């Protein structure tokens, strides 16, 4: 399989985003900070990455949390996944939130999120008066229980 080419400008001193292992789905994204950011409990901050990308048409970048940062430190991405559209040319930034009960410090070069590049299918919405029946129907939000 040929990789999709994505143009990237990196104004940070950090390495380019990279896959941690051969089968990783996401590229690790690092913080680009002049000085450390201290996140108090329940505080959120917009963190710079120093990265700018040009996606091919019909692709998006999804910015997602890193599981280790979440489980070990209580730090996650607030709008997850964050969507980067193919026509966006601004800096990639990540909204981090501290869900722990202690202040946490984000430093320059810390891996703060992961980026997944995905194909986007366009749809055509067709307005109708009624939808067809299904086995599930309108059941949602836990209607199947926990067991």
C-alpha atoms as a PDB file:
ATOM      1  CA  UNK A   1       0.000   0.000   0.000  1.00  0.00           C
ATOM      2  CA  UNK A   2       1.326   3.418  -0.979  1.00  0.00           C
ATOM      3  CA  UNK A   3       1.287   5.963   1.852  1.00  0.00           C
ATOM      4  CA  UNK A   4      -0.777   9.126   1.362  1.00  0.00           C
ATOM      5  CA  UNK A   5       1.527  12.132   1.014  1.00  0.00           C
ATOM      6  CA  UNK A   6       0.785  15.037   3.355  1.00  0.00           C
ATOM      7  CA  UNK A   7       2.797  18.240   3.067  1.00  0.00           C
ATOM      8  CA  UNK A   8       3.988  19.568   6.426  1.00  0.00           C
ATOM      9  CA  UNK A   9       5.751  22.693   7.688  1.00  0.00           C
ATOM     10  CA  UNK A  10       7.456  22.330  11.072  1.00  0.00           C
ATOM     11  CA  UNK A  11       8.447  25.630  12.739  1.00  0.00           C
ATOM     12  CA  UNK A  12       9.234  23.894  16.040  1.00  0.00           C
ATOM     13  CA  UNK A  13      12.540  22.369  17.104  1.00  0.00           C
ATOM     14  CA  UNK A  14      10.742  19.020  17.587  1.00  0.00           C
ATOM     15  CA  UNK A  15      10.909  16.005  15.328  1.00  0.00           C
ATOM     16  CA  UNK A  16       8.167  15.560  12.745  1.00  0.00           C
ATOM     17  CA  UNK A  17       5.135  13.575  13.933  1.00  0.00           C
ATOM     18  CA  UNK A  18       5.934   9.872  13.739  1.00  0.00           C
ATOM     19  CA  UNK A  19       4.383   6.462  14.252  1.00  0.00           C
ATOM     20  CA  UNK A  20       5.730   4.917  17.491  1.00  0.00           C
ATOM     21  CA  UNK A  21       5.554   1.365  16.107  1.00  0.00           C
ATOM     22  CA  UNK A  22       5.169  -0.281  12.719  1.00  0.00           C
ATOM     23  CA  UNK A  23       1.429  -0.825  13.281  1.00  0.00           C
ATOM     24  CA  UNK A  24       0.540   2.412  15.081  1.00  0.00           C
ATOM     25  CA  UNK A  25      -2.551   4.103  13.675  1.00  0.00           C
ATOM     26  CA  UNK A  26      -1.667   7.594  14.896  1.00  0.00           C
ATOM     27  CA  UNK A  27       1.327   9.870  14.512  1.00  0.00           C
ATOM     28  CA  UNK A  28       2.535  11.332  17.816  1.00  0.00           C
ATOM     29  CA  UNK A  29       2.188  15.131  18.032  1.00  0.00           C
ATOM     30  CA  UNK A  30       4.484  17.156  20.320  1.00  0.00           C
ATOM     31  CA  UNK A  31       3.989  20.416  22.194  1.00  0.00           C
ATOM     32  CA  UNK A  32       5.782  23.491  20.820  1.00  0.00           C
ATOM     33  CA  UNK A  33       6.236  25.758  23.841  1.00  0.00           C
ATOM     34  CA  UNK A  34       8.569  28.637  24.682  1.00  0.00           C
ATOM     35  CA  UNK A  35       8.038  27.801  28.370  1.00  0.00           C
ATOM     36  CA  UNK A  36       6.235  25.014  30.249  1.00  0.00           C
ATOM     37  CA  UNK A  37       2.466  25.211  30.704  1.00  0.00           C
ATOM     38  CA  UNK A  38       1.044  24.315  34.116  1.00  0.00           C
ATOM     39  CA  UNK A  39      -2.447  22.862  33.909  1.00  0.00           C
ATOM     40  CA  UNK A  40      -4.403  23.074  37.147  1.00  0.00           C
ATOM     41  CA  UNK A  41      -7.128  20.486  37.835  1.00  0.00           C
ATOM     42  CA  UNK A  42     -10.046  20.957  35.389  1.00  0.00           C
ATOM     43  CA  UNK A  43      -8.121  23.675  33.524  1.00  0.00           C
ATOM     44  CA  UNK A  44      -7.885  23.607  29.741  1.00  0.00           C
ATOM     45  CA  UNK A  45      -5.285  25.223  27.491  1.00  0.00           C
ATOM     46  CA  UNK A  46      -4.718  25.533  23.763  1.00  0.00           C
ATOM     47  CA  UNK A  47      -1.277  24.032  23.110  1.00  0.00           C
ATOM     48  CA  UNK A  48       0.776  24.925  20.033  1.00  0.00           C
ATOM     49  CA  UNK A  49       2.491  22.245  17.962  1.00  0.00           C
ATOM     50  CA  UNK A  50       4.415  24.373  15.463  1.00  0.00           C
ATOM     51  CA  UNK A  51       2.968  22.208  12.696  1.00  0.00           C
ATOM     52  CA  UNK A  52       1.075  23.220   9.555  1.00  0.00           C
ATOM     53  CA  UNK A  53      -0.236  20.592   7.126  1.00  0.00           C
ATOM     54  CA  UNK A  54      -1.716  20.436   3.649  1.00  0.00           C
ATOM     55  CA  UNK A  55      -4.012  17.453   3.339  1.00  0.00           C
ATOM     56  CA  UNK A  56      -5.105  15.978   0.029  1.00  0.00           C
ATOM     57  CA  UNK A  57      -8.691  16.683  -1.018  1.00  0.00           C
ATOM     58  CA  UNK A  58     -11.210  14.304   0.618  1.00  0.00           C
ATOM     59  CA  UNK A  59      -8.980  13.651   3.645  1.00  0.00           C
ATOM     60  CA  UNK A  60      -9.081  14.887   7.218  1.00  0.00           C
ATOM     61  CA  UNK A  61      -6.720  14.762  10.177  1.00  0.00           C
ATOM     62  CA  UNK A  62      -8.196  13.641  13.484  1.00  0.00           C
ATOM     63  CA  UNK A  63      -6.445  14.832  16.645  1.00  0.00           C
ATOM     64  CA  UNK A  64      -6.974  12.319  19.437  1.00  0.00           C
ATOM     65  CA  UNK A  65      -5.776  11.811  23.013  1.00  0.00           C
ATOM     66  CA  UNK A  66      -2.791   9.637  23.889  1.00  0.00           C
ATOM     67  CA  UNK A  67      -3.955   6.823  26.147  1.00  0.00           C
ATOM     68  CA  UNK A  68      -0.834   6.873  28.339  1.00  0.00           C
ATOM     69  CA  UNK A  69      -1.205  10.589  29.042  1.00  0.00           C
ATOM     70  CA  UNK A  70      -4.849  10.028  29.952  1.00  0.00           C
ATOM     71  CA  UNK A  71      -4.461   7.017  32.245  1.00  0.00           C
ATOM     72  CA  UNK A  72      -1.169   8.031  33.863  1.00  0.00           C
ATOM     73  CA  UNK A  73      -1.706  11.796  34.206  1.00  0.00           C
ATOM     74  CA  UNK A  74      -5.403  12.548  33.640  1.00  0.00           C
ATOM     75  CA  UNK A  75      -4.592  14.732  30.612  1.00  0.00           C
ATOM     76  CA  UNK A  76      -6.790  14.383  27.527  1.00  0.00           C
ATOM     77  CA  UNK A  77      -7.974  16.296  24.475  1.00  0.00           C
ATOM     78  CA  UNK A  78     -11.138  18.231  25.186  1.00  0.00           C
ATOM     79  CA  UNK A  79     -12.720  17.998  21.728  1.00  0.00           C
ATOM     80  CA  UNK A  80     -11.918  14.477  20.755  1.00  0.00           C
ATOM     81  CA  UNK A  81     -11.456  13.759  18.033  1.00  0.00           C
ATOM     82  CA  UNK A  82     -10.639  17.225  16.772  1.00  0.00           C
ATOM     83  CA  UNK A  83     -11.108  17.501  13.028  1.00  0.00           C
ATOM     84  CA  UNK A  84      -8.653  19.254  10.717  1.00  0.00           C
ATOM     85  CA  UNK A  85     -10.234  19.901   7.310  1.00  0.00           C
ATOM     86  CA  UNK A  86      -8.304  19.531   4.051  1.00  0.00           C
ATOM     87  CA  UNK A  87      -8.524  23.267   3.322  1.00  0.00           C
ATOM     88  CA  UNK A  88      -7.195  24.407   6.745  1.00  0.00           C
ATOM     89  CA  UNK A  89      -3.691  25.893   6.577  1.00  0.00           C
ATOM     90  CA  UNK A  90      -3.272  27.282  10.093  1.00  0.00           C
ATOM     91  CA  UNK A  91      -1.164  25.862  12.897  1.00  0.00           C
ATOM     92  CA  UNK A  92      -2.315  22.587  14.430  1.00  0.00           C
ATOM     93  CA  UNK A  93      -3.204  23.249  18.058  1.00  0.00           C
ATOM     94  CA  UNK A  94      -4.485  20.859  20.694  1.00  0.00           C
ATOM     95  CA  UNK A  95      -6.975  21.653  23.479  1.00  0.00           C
ATOM     96  CA  UNK A  96      -5.707  19.796  26.523  1.00  0.00           C
ATOM     97  CA  UNK A  97      -7.636  19.457  29.781  1.00  0.00           C
ATOM     98  CA  UNK A  98      -6.383  18.228  33.137  1.00  0.00           C
ATOM     99  CA  UNK A  99      -8.960  15.855  34.609  1.00  0.00           C
ATOM    100  CA  UNK A 100      -6.725  14.845  37.519  1.00  0.00           C
ATOM    101  CA  UNK A 101      -6.770  16.324  41.017  1.00  0.00           C
ATOM    102  CA  UNK A 102      -3.203  17.664  40.751  1.00  0.00           C
ATOM    103  CA  UNK A 103      -1.489  20.338  38.674  1.00  0.00           C
ATOM    104  CA  UNK A 104       0.356  18.891  35.669  1.00  0.00           C
ATOM    105  CA  UNK A 105       3.124  20.452  33.589  1.00  0.00           C
ATOM    106  CA  UNK A 106       3.347  20.253  29.798  1.00  0.00           C
ATOM    107  CA  UNK A 107       6.846  20.895  28.447  1.00  0.00           C
ATOM    108  CA  UNK A 108       8.210  21.626  24.993  1.00  0.00           C
ATOM    109  CA  UNK A 109       8.581  18.365  23.083  1.00  0.00           C
ATOM    110  CA  UNK A 110       6.102  16.393  25.209  1.00  0.00           C
ATOM    111  CA  UNK A 111       3.953  14.034  23.131  1.00  0.00           C
ATOM    112  CA  UNK A 112       0.475  15.461  23.775  1.00  0.00           C
ATOM    113  CA  UNK A 113      -1.806  13.895  21.164  1.00  0.00           C
ATOM    114  CA  UNK A 114      -1.916  11.662  18.143  1.00  0.00           C
ATOM    115  CA  UNK A 115      -2.974  12.481  14.597  1.00  0.00           C
ATOM    116  CA  UNK A 116      -4.813  10.067  12.335  1.00  0.00           C
ATOM    117  CA  UNK A 117      -5.256  10.821   8.639  1.00  0.00           C
ATOM    118  CA  UNK A 118      -8.555   9.477   7.286  1.00  0.00           C
ATOM    119  CA  UNK A 119     -10.443   9.489   4.005  1.00  0.00           C
ATOM    120  CA  UNK A 120     -13.690  11.450   4.077  1.00  0.00           C
ATOM    121  CA  UNK A 121     -16.676  10.290   2.058  1.00  0.00           C
ATOM    122  CA  UNK A 122     -19.083  13.002   0.968  1.00  0.00           C
ATOM    123  CA  UNK A 123     -22.780  12.273   1.301  1.00  0.00           C
ATOM    124  CA  UNK A 124     -25.884  13.713  -0.255  1.00  0.00           C
ATOM    125  CA  UNK A 125     -28.683  14.213   2.247  1.00  0.00           C
ATOM    126  CA  UNK A 126     -32.091  13.202   0.901  1.00  0.00           C
ATOM    127  CA  UNK A 127     -34.995  14.714   2.801  1.00  0.00           C
ATOM    128  CA  UNK A 128     -37.891  12.281   3.312  1.00  0.00           C
ATOM    129  CA  UNK A 129     -41.070  12.217   5.397  1.00  0.00           C
ATOM    130  CA  UNK A 130     -40.385   8.883   7.167  1.00  0.00           C
ATOM    131  CA  UNK A 131     -37.457   6.488   7.704  1.00  0.00           C
ATOM    132  CA  UNK A 132     -37.577   2.715   7.216  1.00  0.00           C
ATOM    133  CA  UNK A 133     -38.042   0.492  10.266  1.00  0.00           C
ATOM    134  CA  UNK A 134     -35.072  -1.323  11.846  1.00  0.00           C
ATOM    135  CA  UNK A 135     -34.632  -3.887  14.609  1.00  0.00           C
ATOM    136  CA  UNK A 136     -33.049  -1.267  16.864  1.00  0.00           C
ATOM    137  CA  UNK A 137     -35.517   1.488  16.102  1.00  0.00           C
ATOM    138  CA  UNK A 138     -34.973   4.629  18.176  1.00  0.00           C
ATOM    139  CA  UNK A 139     -33.227   2.875  21.082  1.00  0.00           C
ATOM    140  CA  UNK A 140     -30.057   4.631  22.132  1.00  0.00           C
ATOM    141  CA  UNK A 141     -27.949   5.791  25.071  1.00  0.00           C
ATOM    142  CA  UNK A 142     -27.580   2.442  26.800  1.00  0.00           C
ATOM    143  CA  UNK A 143     -30.835   0.825  25.711  1.00  0.00           C
ATOM    144  CA  UNK A 144     -29.108  -2.598  25.428  1.00  0.00           C
ATOM    145  CA  UNK A 145     -27.959  -2.552  29.081  1.00  0.00           C
ATOM    146  CA  UNK A 146     -24.549  -3.360  30.527  1.00  0.00           C
ATOM    147  CA  UNK A 147     -24.530  -7.170  30.457  1.00  0.00           C
END
